[in-house]
N, C-alpha and C. Protein backbone atom coordinates (compact mmCIF):
# COMPACT_ATOMS: atom_id res chain seq x y z
N MET A 1 0.69 -1.30 -0.27
CA MET A 1 -0.37 0.12 0.06
C MET A 1 0.68 1.35 -0.12
N ARG A 2 1.68 0.76 0.67
CA ARG A 2 2.96 2.35 0.81
C ARG A 2 3.41 3.10 -0.37
N ARG A 3 3.83 1.50 -1.23
CA ARG A 3 4.32 1.66 -2.82
C ARG A 3 3.74 2.59 -3.55
N GLN A 4 2.18 2.33 -3.17
CA GLN A 4 1.16 2.41 -3.97
C GLN A 4 0.80 3.98 -3.98
N VAL A 5 0.60 4.36 -2.35
CA VAL A 5 0.79 5.77 -2.33
C VAL A 5 1.76 6.62 -2.96
N HIS A 6 3.11 6.47 -2.34
CA HIS A 6 4.13 7.02 -2.48
C HIS A 6 4.86 6.44 -3.62
N GLY A 7 5.03 5.56 -3.86
CA GLY A 7 5.38 5.24 -5.09
C GLY A 7 7.11 4.32 -4.49
N ALA A 8 7.19 3.62 -5.91
CA ALA A 8 8.61 2.71 -5.12
C ALA A 8 9.99 3.25 -4.91
N ALA A 9 10.29 3.86 -5.28
CA ALA A 9 11.36 4.92 -5.03
C ALA A 9 11.38 5.25 -3.80
N HIS A 10 10.29 6.15 -3.60
CA HIS A 10 10.30 6.93 -2.29
C HIS A 10 10.46 6.11 -1.35
N VAL A 11 9.53 4.90 -1.03
CA VAL A 11 9.58 3.77 0.05
C VAL A 11 11.01 3.22 -0.28
N GLU A 12 11.63 2.70 -1.56
CA GLU A 12 13.23 2.62 -1.46
C GLU A 12 14.15 3.53 -0.77
N ARG A 13 14.14 4.44 -0.94
CA ARG A 13 15.00 5.59 -0.09
C ARG A 13 15.05 5.65 1.29
N SER A 14 13.22 5.55 1.49
CA SER A 14 13.20 5.74 3.50
C SER A 14 13.79 4.69 3.93
N TRP A 15 13.88 3.13 2.98
CA TRP A 15 14.46 1.88 3.58
C TRP A 15 15.34 2.00 3.54
N GLU A 16 15.83 2.63 2.64
CA GLU A 16 17.86 2.60 2.40
C GLU A 16 18.38 3.10 3.46
N ALA A 17 18.02 4.17 3.51
CA ALA A 17 18.07 5.60 4.66
C ALA A 17 18.04 5.15 6.31
N ALA A 18 17.19 4.19 6.22
CA ALA A 18 17.38 3.87 7.58
C ALA A 18 18.18 2.33 8.30
N GLN A 19 18.57 1.95 7.34
CA GLN A 19 19.35 0.93 7.33
C GLN A 19 20.65 1.43 8.10
N ALA A 20 21.65 2.61 8.34
CA ALA A 20 22.44 2.73 9.03
C ALA A 20 21.74 3.00 10.74
N ASP A 21 20.75 3.09 10.84
CA ASP A 21 20.47 3.22 12.68
C ASP A 21 19.26 2.24 12.52
N PRO A 22 19.68 1.25 13.54
CA PRO A 22 18.45 0.07 14.08
C PRO A 22 17.32 1.27 14.23
N HIS A 23 17.45 1.81 14.85
CA HIS A 23 16.16 2.60 15.71
C HIS A 23 15.28 3.21 14.45
N GLU A 24 16.05 4.38 14.14
CA GLU A 24 14.99 4.76 12.25
C GLU A 24 14.76 3.06 11.58
N ALA A 25 15.61 2.27 11.45
CA ALA A 25 15.15 0.88 10.72
C ALA A 25 13.96 0.16 11.49
N ALA A 26 13.99 0.48 12.59
CA ALA A 26 12.27 0.11 13.71
C ALA A 26 11.50 1.23 13.23
N LEU A 27 11.44 2.30 13.32
CA LEU A 27 10.28 3.17 12.81
C LEU A 27 9.55 2.81 11.66
N GLN A 28 10.61 2.64 10.53
CA GLN A 28 10.58 2.35 9.18
C GLN A 28 9.17 1.30 9.40
N ARG A 29 9.77 0.49 9.88
CA ARG A 29 9.42 -1.32 9.77
C ARG A 29 7.39 -1.44 11.02
N LEU A 30 7.75 -0.20 12.12
CA LEU A 30 6.58 0.18 12.67
C LEU A 30 5.63 0.89 11.72
N LEU A 31 5.83 2.09 11.49
CA LEU A 31 4.92 3.24 10.24
C LEU A 31 4.41 1.96 9.51
N THR A 32 4.91 1.37 8.61
CA THR A 32 4.72 0.06 7.77
C THR A 32 3.93 -0.33 7.85
N GLU A 33 3.80 -1.10 9.41
CA GLU A 33 3.01 -2.23 10.29
C GLU A 33 1.60 -1.36 10.22
N THR A 34 2.35 -0.61 11.02
CA THR A 34 1.04 0.53 11.49
C THR A 34 0.05 1.46 10.63
N ALA A 35 0.75 2.00 9.98
CA ALA A 35 0.11 3.49 9.18
C ALA A 35 -0.46 2.61 7.87
N TRP A 36 0.37 1.93 7.23
CA TRP A 36 0.37 1.35 5.70
C TRP A 36 -0.26 0.25 6.09
N GLY A 37 -0.45 -0.36 7.15
CA GLY A 37 -0.40 -2.38 7.21
C GLY A 37 -1.88 -1.74 7.68
N SER A 38 -1.96 -1.50 9.05
CA SER A 38 -3.49 -1.51 10.23
C SER A 38 -4.24 -0.89 9.15
N CYS A 39 -3.67 0.67 8.64
CA CYS A 39 -5.06 1.59 8.67
C CYS A 39 -4.74 1.93 7.08
N TRP A 40 -4.18 2.09 6.43
CA TRP A 40 -4.28 1.80 4.59
C TRP A 40 -5.01 1.04 3.98
N ALA A 41 -4.42 -0.45 4.69
CA ALA A 41 -4.69 -1.28 3.60
C ALA A 41 -6.60 -2.02 3.90
N ARG A 42 -6.77 -0.78 4.72
CA ARG A 42 -8.41 -1.68 4.99
C ARG A 42 -8.97 -1.28 3.90
N ASP A 43 -10.62 -1.54 3.50
CA ASP A 43 -11.02 -0.97 2.05
C ASP A 43 -12.39 -0.41 2.60
N THR A 44 -12.53 0.27 3.65
CA THR A 44 -13.66 0.90 4.23
C THR A 44 -13.52 2.40 3.35
N LEU A 45 -12.13 3.10 2.94
CA LEU A 45 -12.29 4.23 2.60
C LEU A 45 -11.48 3.71 1.57
N ALA A 46 -11.59 4.64 0.22
CA ALA A 46 -10.95 4.38 -1.13
C ALA A 46 -8.96 5.38 -0.61
N PRO A 47 -8.25 4.86 -1.22
CA PRO A 47 -6.84 5.44 -0.57
C PRO A 47 -7.53 7.38 -1.38
N LYS A 48 -8.34 7.68 -1.87
CA LYS A 48 -8.11 8.89 -2.24
C LYS A 48 -8.61 9.78 -1.44
N GLN A 49 -9.48 9.09 -0.89
CA GLN A 49 -10.65 9.40 0.86
C GLN A 49 -9.63 9.48 2.10
N ARG A 50 -8.64 8.52 1.93
CA ARG A 50 -7.67 8.68 3.47
C ARG A 50 -6.37 9.82 2.76
N SER A 51 -5.93 9.46 1.65
CA SER A 51 -5.42 11.13 1.08
C SER A 51 -5.63 12.26 1.67
N LEU A 52 -7.26 12.43 1.25
CA LEU A 52 -7.74 13.74 2.00
C LEU A 52 -7.73 13.62 3.36
N VAL A 53 -8.12 12.54 4.17
CA VAL A 53 -8.26 12.53 5.61
C VAL A 53 -6.73 12.92 6.13
N VAL A 54 -5.93 11.86 5.78
CA VAL A 54 -4.16 12.77 6.28
C VAL A 54 -4.23 14.04 5.93
N ILE A 55 -3.98 14.42 4.57
CA ILE A 55 -3.75 15.43 4.66
C ILE A 55 -4.23 16.59 5.55
N ALA A 56 -5.84 16.83 5.97
CA ALA A 56 -6.03 17.36 6.64
C ALA A 56 -5.56 17.26 8.60
N PHE A 57 -5.51 16.16 8.77
CA PHE A 57 -4.39 15.97 9.55
C PHE A 57 -3.01 16.51 10.23
N LEU A 58 -2.16 16.34 8.45
CA LEU A 58 -1.13 16.80 9.00
C LEU A 58 -0.96 17.90 8.45
N ALA A 59 -2.18 18.68 8.08
CA ALA A 59 -2.51 20.38 7.92
C ALA A 59 -2.43 20.74 9.26
N ALA A 60 -3.61 20.15 10.02
CA ALA A 60 -3.66 20.70 11.57
C ALA A 60 -2.73 20.58 12.65
N LEU A 61 -1.87 19.85 12.39
CA LEU A 61 -0.92 18.89 13.24
C LEU A 61 0.41 20.16 12.81
N GLY A 62 0.52 20.93 11.09
CA GLY A 62 1.78 21.58 11.28
C GLY A 62 2.72 20.87 10.92
N ARG A 63 2.80 19.24 10.16
CA ARG A 63 3.63 18.80 10.10
C ARG A 63 3.50 18.57 8.39
N ASP A 64 4.23 19.59 8.10
CA ASP A 64 5.17 20.25 7.00
C ASP A 64 5.43 19.10 5.61
N HIS A 65 6.43 18.36 6.62
CA HIS A 65 7.61 17.60 5.76
C HIS A 65 6.21 16.38 4.87
N GLU A 66 5.67 15.73 5.97
CA GLU A 66 5.15 14.46 5.97
C GLU A 66 3.50 15.65 4.53
N LEU A 67 3.11 16.87 4.86
CA LEU A 67 2.38 17.25 4.42
C LEU A 67 2.25 17.09 3.12
N ALA A 68 3.54 17.70 2.20
CA ALA A 68 4.04 18.29 1.21
C ALA A 68 4.10 16.78 0.60
N THR A 69 4.71 15.49 1.33
CA THR A 69 4.68 13.92 0.65
C THR A 69 3.81 13.41 0.09
N HIS A 70 2.27 13.95 1.04
CA HIS A 70 1.21 13.27 0.98
C HIS A 70 0.46 13.91 -0.09
N ALA A 71 0.38 15.35 -0.20
CA ALA A 71 -0.03 16.47 -1.39
C ALA A 71 0.06 15.21 -2.15
N ARG A 72 1.61 15.20 -2.64
CA ARG A 72 2.38 15.08 -3.93
C ARG A 72 1.98 13.98 -3.91
N SER A 73 1.65 12.49 -2.99
CA SER A 73 1.38 11.11 -3.57
C SER A 73 -0.35 11.58 -4.29
N ALA A 74 -1.06 12.61 -3.06
CA ALA A 74 -1.95 12.32 -3.83
C ALA A 74 -2.64 13.17 -4.77
N MET A 75 -1.87 14.12 -5.23
CA MET A 75 -2.14 14.53 -6.78
C MET A 75 -1.60 13.56 -7.70
N LEU A 76 -1.27 12.94 -7.70
CA LEU A 76 0.39 12.21 -8.28
C LEU A 76 -0.72 10.41 -8.85
N ARG A 77 -0.87 9.80 -7.32
CA ARG A 77 -1.07 8.64 -7.31
C ARG A 77 -2.57 8.08 -6.53
N THR A 78 -3.16 8.88 -5.40
CA THR A 78 -4.59 8.67 -5.64
C THR A 78 -5.52 9.34 -6.39
N GLY A 79 -5.82 9.68 -7.02
CA GLY A 79 -6.41 10.17 -7.62
C GLY A 79 -7.13 11.85 -7.44
N CYS A 80 -6.49 12.35 -6.79
CA CYS A 80 -7.11 13.70 -5.76
C CYS A 80 -6.77 14.78 -6.66
N THR A 81 -7.68 16.06 -7.03
CA THR A 81 -7.05 17.32 -7.46
C THR A 81 -6.72 18.23 -6.81
N ALA A 82 -5.64 18.81 -7.27
CA ALA A 82 -4.87 20.37 -6.64
C ALA A 82 -6.62 21.23 -6.03
N GLU A 83 -7.48 20.68 -6.23
CA GLU A 83 -8.64 21.49 -6.44
C GLU A 83 -8.91 21.11 -5.02
N GLU A 84 -9.43 20.09 -4.52
CA GLU A 84 -9.86 18.98 -3.60
C GLU A 84 -8.93 18.97 -2.62
N VAL A 85 -7.50 19.19 -2.65
CA VAL A 85 -6.94 18.96 -1.64
C VAL A 85 -6.48 20.31 -1.05
N LYS A 86 -7.37 21.11 -1.53
CA LYS A 86 -7.00 22.60 -1.50
C LYS A 86 -8.47 22.95 -0.73
N GLU A 87 -9.11 22.25 -0.94
CA GLU A 87 -10.97 22.45 -0.50
C GLU A 87 -10.34 21.85 1.01
N VAL A 88 -9.77 20.80 1.08
CA VAL A 88 -9.34 20.12 2.50
C VAL A 88 -8.56 21.33 3.39
N VAL A 89 -7.88 21.59 2.89
CA VAL A 89 -6.84 22.50 3.72
C VAL A 89 -7.56 23.71 3.86
N LEU A 90 -8.56 24.73 3.46
CA LEU A 90 -9.52 25.21 3.49
C LEU A 90 -10.45 25.11 4.76
N MET A 91 -10.81 23.54 4.37
CA MET A 91 -11.55 23.05 5.82
C MET A 91 -10.90 23.44 7.25
N THR A 92 -9.19 22.84 7.19
CA THR A 92 -8.67 23.18 7.81
C THR A 92 -8.65 24.48 8.48
N ALA A 93 -8.76 25.51 8.10
CA ALA A 93 -9.02 26.46 8.74
C ALA A 93 -10.00 26.93 9.69
N ALA A 94 -11.22 26.55 9.20
CA ALA A 94 -12.63 26.62 9.83
C ALA A 94 -12.57 25.69 11.34
N TYR A 95 -11.66 24.51 11.41
CA TYR A 95 -11.82 23.40 11.98
C TYR A 95 -10.50 23.42 13.03
N CYS A 96 -9.20 23.80 12.37
CA CYS A 96 -8.23 23.50 13.02
C CYS A 96 -7.62 25.35 13.44
N GLY A 97 -7.83 25.78 12.59
CA GLY A 97 -7.20 27.43 12.81
C GLY A 97 -6.50 27.75 11.42
N ILE A 98 -6.74 29.07 11.17
CA ILE A 98 -6.48 29.71 10.69
C ILE A 98 -4.72 29.48 9.88
N PRO A 99 -4.05 29.95 10.88
CA PRO A 99 -2.43 29.58 10.98
C PRO A 99 -2.09 28.30 10.39
N ALA A 100 -2.82 27.45 11.13
CA ALA A 100 -2.23 25.78 9.96
C ALA A 100 -2.82 25.86 8.37
N ALA A 101 -3.82 26.39 8.62
CA ALA A 101 -4.57 26.68 6.67
C ALA A 101 -3.65 27.26 6.06
N VAL A 102 -3.03 28.58 6.50
CA VAL A 102 -2.33 29.43 5.80
C VAL A 102 -1.23 28.50 5.54
N ASN A 103 -0.23 28.32 6.42
CA ASN A 103 1.09 27.15 6.17
C ASN A 103 0.52 25.88 5.25
N ALA A 104 -0.47 24.95 5.42
CA ALA A 104 -0.97 24.26 4.88
C ALA A 104 -0.70 24.56 3.48
N MET A 105 -1.98 25.62 2.72
CA MET A 105 -2.07 26.29 1.47
C MET A 105 -0.55 26.27 0.68
N ALA A 106 0.11 27.25 1.55
CA ALA A 106 1.80 27.43 0.85
C ALA A 106 2.39 26.39 0.51
N ILE A 107 2.47 25.06 1.14
CA ILE A 107 2.62 23.96 0.99
C ILE A 107 2.17 23.31 -0.07
N VAL A 108 1.00 23.41 0.02
CA VAL A 108 0.18 22.34 -1.34
C VAL A 108 0.55 23.30 -2.15
N ARG A 109 0.38 24.49 -2.50
CA ARG A 109 0.81 25.36 -3.91
C ARG A 109 2.10 25.14 -4.39
N LEU A 110 3.00 25.20 -3.45
CA LEU A 110 4.73 24.45 -3.74
C LEU A 110 4.58 23.36 -4.20
N VAL A 111 3.86 22.17 -4.50
CA VAL A 111 3.64 20.84 -4.52
C VAL A 111 3.45 20.97 -5.70
N GLU A 112 1.97 21.69 -5.92
CA GLU A 112 1.24 21.89 -7.07
C GLU A 112 2.37 22.44 -7.90
N GLN A 113 3.09 23.41 -8.12
CA GLN A 113 3.78 24.35 -9.07
C GLN A 113 5.07 23.13 -8.86
N GLU A 114 5.71 22.12 -8.28
CA GLU A 114 6.78 21.26 -8.57
C GLU A 114 6.22 20.60 -8.91
N ILE A 115 5.24 19.81 -8.93
CA ILE A 115 4.17 18.62 -9.80
C ILE A 115 3.64 19.52 -11.59
N SER A 116 3.88 20.82 -11.62
CA SER A 116 3.48 21.10 -13.02
C SER A 116 4.44 21.34 -13.70
N GLU A 117 5.85 21.69 -13.13
CA GLU A 117 6.85 22.17 -13.60
C GLU A 117 7.65 20.70 -14.06
N GLU A 118 7.31 19.88 -13.30
CA GLU A 118 7.85 18.65 -13.33
C GLU A 118 7.19 17.47 -15.07
N ALA A 119 6.04 18.19 -15.04
CA ALA A 119 5.03 17.63 -15.95
C ALA A 119 5.63 17.61 -17.75
N PRO A 120 5.79 17.26 -18.09
CA PRO A 120 6.35 16.81 -19.71
C PRO A 120 5.59 17.80 -20.49
N ARG A 121 5.53 18.37 -21.22
CA ARG A 121 5.29 19.53 -22.06
C ARG A 121 5.00 19.34 -23.66
């Protein structure tokens, strides 16, 4: 599931980087088993829906690096449009605070711009 959402290259980079530190390797195993195995692999919500929920959580918590990673994956791999991701960020303002939403919107716009620049012309 993690490879489906983030892509094999991203997952392999994460695993390779973790091999130098047994604690980092243990963390990678834990998040793969729990977040990706126990949560993301369930069939009640589609990956697109899960992506939007995770984006809301990460925006609310101010977890910028993970937000950028999940926003990119949502727009490239789970079928979310940039407009849908931004709509979730707007809802973050109402339920989690305007500063969280302003920060998240800036990150989503950067990711959207990067994706646009990477696209073949």
